[in-house]
Amino acid sequence: MSSHDHVTEQEETNLDFTKSWVNSSKFIFYLSVFCILGGLFGNCLRLYQSRYKGHPDVEIQSSTQYKPEYK
């Protein structure tokens, strides 16, 4: 085995995802950021779709108004 073969094997090991702590931590970081942003966007979209859509027409008794009307 020559030294050239050993260097390329070492470089290949450095580029391997399972062997390199730096590459795997970058991947996990970006994956977690993507998941958090996706969850945040999904929750905002769900809140927007189930928002309050207007004021209902509520009938108020005449005796409980600011100027009550008694019968």
N, C-alpha and C. Protein backbone atom coordinates (compact mmCIF):
# COMPACT_ATOMS: atom_id res chain seq x y z
N MET A 1 0.85 -1.17 0.00
CA MET A 1 0.00 0.00 0.00
C MET A 1 0.90 1.23 0.00
N SER A 2 0.74 2.09 -0.96
CA SER A 2 1.57 3.28 -1.04
C SER A 2 0.98 4.41 -0.21
N SER A 3 1.79 5.43 0.00
CA SER A 3 1.32 6.55 0.81
C SER A 3 0.22 7.33 0.08
N HIS A 4 0.26 7.28 -1.25
CA HIS A 4 -0.77 7.98 -2.03
C HIS A 4 -2.14 7.34 -1.81
N ASP A 5 -2.18 6.02 -1.77
CA ASP A 5 -3.43 5.32 -1.52
C ASP A 5 -3.94 5.61 -0.12
N HIS A 6 -3.04 5.72 0.82
CA HIS A 6 -3.43 6.00 2.21
C HIS A 6 -4.02 7.41 2.34
N VAL A 7 -3.46 8.37 1.62
CA VAL A 7 -3.96 9.75 1.67
C VAL A 7 -5.36 9.82 1.09
N THR A 8 -5.59 9.19 -0.02
CA THR A 8 -6.93 9.26 -0.62
C THR A 8 -7.95 8.54 0.26
N GLU A 9 -7.51 7.47 0.92
CA GLU A 9 -8.41 6.77 1.84
C GLU A 9 -8.73 7.66 3.05
N GLN A 10 -7.74 8.39 3.52
CA GLN A 10 -7.94 9.30 4.65
C GLN A 10 -8.87 10.45 4.24
N GLU A 11 -8.67 10.98 3.04
CA GLU A 11 -9.55 12.04 2.56
C GLU A 11 -10.97 11.53 2.39
N GLU A 12 -11.10 10.32 1.90
CA GLU A 12 -12.42 9.72 1.74
C GLU A 12 -13.10 9.53 3.09
N THR A 13 -12.34 9.15 4.09
CA THR A 13 -12.88 9.00 5.43
C THR A 13 -13.32 10.35 6.00
N ASN A 14 -12.56 11.40 5.70
CA ASN A 14 -12.92 12.74 6.17
C ASN A 14 -14.20 13.24 5.51
N LEU A 15 -14.43 12.84 4.28
CA LEU A 15 -15.62 13.28 3.56
C LEU A 15 -16.85 12.44 3.89
N ASP A 16 -16.65 11.30 4.51
CA ASP A 16 -17.77 10.42 4.84
C ASP A 16 -18.63 11.05 5.93
N PHE A 17 -19.94 11.04 5.73
CA PHE A 17 -20.86 11.68 6.68
C PHE A 17 -20.82 11.01 8.05
N THR A 18 -20.74 9.70 8.06
CA THR A 18 -20.78 8.98 9.34
C THR A 18 -19.49 9.10 10.12
N LYS A 19 -18.38 9.44 9.45
CA LYS A 19 -17.08 9.53 10.12
C LYS A 19 -16.72 10.95 10.53
N SER A 20 -17.32 11.95 9.89
CA SER A 20 -16.94 13.33 10.13
C SER A 20 -17.94 14.00 11.07
N TRP A 21 -17.47 14.43 12.23
CA TRP A 21 -18.32 15.09 13.22
C TRP A 21 -18.78 16.45 12.71
N VAL A 22 -17.91 17.16 11.99
CA VAL A 22 -18.25 18.50 11.51
C VAL A 22 -19.34 18.43 10.46
N ASN A 23 -19.22 17.53 9.51
CA ASN A 23 -20.24 17.42 8.46
C ASN A 23 -21.57 16.97 9.04
N SER A 24 -21.54 16.04 9.97
CA SER A 24 -22.80 15.56 10.52
C SER A 24 -23.45 16.62 11.41
N SER A 25 -22.67 17.40 12.14
CA SER A 25 -23.27 18.43 12.98
C SER A 25 -23.85 19.56 12.14
N LYS A 26 -23.22 19.89 11.01
CA LYS A 26 -23.80 20.89 10.11
C LYS A 26 -25.12 20.40 9.55
N PHE A 27 -25.14 19.15 9.14
CA PHE A 27 -26.37 18.57 8.59
C PHE A 27 -27.48 18.56 9.63
N ILE A 28 -27.18 18.15 10.83
CA ILE A 28 -28.19 18.11 11.90
C ILE A 28 -28.65 19.51 12.25
N PHE A 29 -27.75 20.49 12.25
CA PHE A 29 -28.13 21.87 12.53
C PHE A 29 -29.11 22.40 11.48
N TYR A 30 -28.75 22.23 10.20
CA TYR A 30 -29.63 22.73 9.14
C TYR A 30 -30.95 21.97 9.09
N LEU A 31 -30.91 20.68 9.37
CA LEU A 31 -32.15 19.90 9.42
C LEU A 31 -33.05 20.38 10.54
N SER A 32 -32.48 20.67 11.71
CA SER A 32 -33.30 21.14 12.82
C SER A 32 -33.86 22.54 12.55
N VAL A 33 -33.07 23.41 11.93
CA VAL A 33 -33.56 24.75 11.58
C VAL A 33 -34.71 24.64 10.58
N PHE A 34 -34.56 23.77 9.59
CA PHE A 34 -35.62 23.58 8.59
C PHE A 34 -36.89 23.04 9.24
N CYS A 35 -36.74 22.08 10.16
CA CYS A 35 -37.92 21.52 10.82
C CYS A 35 -38.62 22.55 11.71
N ILE A 36 -37.85 23.35 12.42
CA ILE A 36 -38.45 24.39 13.28
C ILE A 36 -39.17 25.43 12.44
N LEU A 37 -38.55 25.88 11.35
CA LEU A 37 -39.21 26.86 10.48
C LEU A 37 -40.44 26.27 9.81
N GLY A 38 -40.38 25.02 9.41
CA GLY A 38 -41.55 24.37 8.81
C GLY A 38 -42.70 24.25 9.80
N GLY A 39 -42.38 23.87 11.03
CA GLY A 39 -43.42 23.78 12.06
C GLY A 39 -44.02 25.14 12.38
N LEU A 40 -43.17 26.16 12.45
CA LEU A 40 -43.65 27.52 12.72
C LEU A 40 -44.57 28.00 11.60
N PHE A 41 -44.18 27.76 10.37
CA PHE A 41 -45.02 28.17 9.24
C PHE A 41 -46.33 27.40 9.22
N GLY A 42 -46.28 26.11 9.51
CA GLY A 42 -47.50 25.30 9.54
C GLY A 42 -48.46 25.74 10.63
N ASN A 43 -47.93 26.06 11.81
CA ASN A 43 -48.80 26.53 12.89
C ASN A 43 -49.40 27.89 12.58
N CYS A 44 -48.61 28.78 11.99
CA CYS A 44 -49.15 30.09 11.60
C CYS A 44 -50.24 29.95 10.55
N LEU A 45 -50.03 29.04 9.60
CA LEU A 45 -51.05 28.82 8.57
C LEU A 45 -52.32 28.25 9.17
N ARG A 46 -52.19 27.32 10.11
CA ARG A 46 -53.38 26.74 10.76
C ARG A 46 -54.12 27.80 11.58
N LEU A 47 -53.39 28.65 12.29
CA LEU A 47 -54.04 29.73 13.04
C LEU A 47 -54.75 30.71 12.10
N TYR A 48 -54.13 31.00 10.95
CA TYR A 48 -54.76 31.91 10.00
C TYR A 48 -56.04 31.31 9.42
N GLN A 49 -56.03 30.02 9.13
CA GLN A 49 -57.20 29.39 8.55
C GLN A 49 -58.34 29.26 9.55
N SER A 50 -58.05 29.20 10.84
CA SER A 50 -59.12 29.07 11.83
C SER A 50 -59.34 30.38 12.59
N ARG A 51 -59.07 31.49 11.93
CA ARG A 51 -59.22 32.80 12.58
C ARG A 51 -60.69 33.15 12.79
N TYR A 52 -60.94 34.16 13.60
CA TYR A 52 -62.29 34.63 13.87
C TYR A 52 -62.78 35.39 12.66
N LYS A 53 -63.92 35.02 12.11
CA LYS A 53 -64.38 35.55 10.84
C LYS A 53 -65.63 36.42 10.99
N GLY A 54 -65.58 37.43 11.81
CA GLY A 54 -66.68 38.36 11.89
C GLY A 54 -67.38 38.36 13.22
N HIS A 55 -68.24 39.30 13.36
CA HIS A 55 -69.00 39.45 14.60
C HIS A 55 -70.40 38.88 14.42
N PRO A 56 -70.81 38.01 15.30
CA PRO A 56 -72.16 37.46 15.18
C PRO A 56 -73.20 38.51 15.59
N ASP A 57 -74.38 38.39 15.05
CA ASP A 57 -75.46 39.30 15.39
C ASP A 57 -76.13 38.78 16.66
N VAL A 58 -75.74 39.38 17.79
CA VAL A 58 -76.24 38.94 19.09
C VAL A 58 -77.37 39.87 19.52
N GLU A 59 -78.46 39.28 19.93
CA GLU A 59 -79.60 40.08 20.40
C GLU A 59 -79.43 40.36 21.89
N ILE A 60 -79.42 41.63 22.25
CA ILE A 60 -79.22 42.04 23.64
C ILE A 60 -80.56 42.41 24.25
N GLN A 61 -80.79 41.96 25.46
CA GLN A 61 -82.05 42.30 26.14
C GLN A 61 -82.13 43.80 26.37
N SER A 62 -83.31 44.33 26.23
CA SER A 62 -83.48 45.78 26.36
C SER A 62 -83.27 46.24 27.80
N SER A 63 -83.45 45.38 28.79
CA SER A 63 -83.28 45.80 30.18
C SER A 63 -81.81 45.84 30.60
N THR A 64 -80.88 45.33 29.79
CA THR A 64 -79.46 45.34 30.16
C THR A 64 -78.65 46.34 29.36
N GLN A 65 -79.30 47.19 28.57
CA GLN A 65 -78.59 48.19 27.78
C GLN A 65 -78.18 49.36 28.68
N TYR A 66 -77.37 50.28 28.10
CA TYR A 66 -76.89 51.44 28.85
C TYR A 66 -78.07 52.29 29.32
N LYS A 67 -79.03 52.49 28.44
CA LYS A 67 -80.29 53.15 28.81
C LYS A 67 -81.39 52.09 28.73
N PRO A 68 -81.66 51.40 29.80
CA PRO A 68 -82.61 50.28 29.75
C PRO A 68 -84.03 50.73 29.44
N GLU A 69 -84.74 49.86 28.80
CA GLU A 69 -86.16 50.08 28.50
C GLU A 69 -86.95 49.05 29.28
N TYR A 70 -87.71 49.53 30.22
CA TYR A 70 -88.51 48.61 31.04
C TYR A 70 -89.90 48.49 30.46
N LYS A 71 -90.50 47.36 30.64
CA LYS A 71 -91.85 47.13 30.14
C LYS A 71 -92.87 47.51 31.15
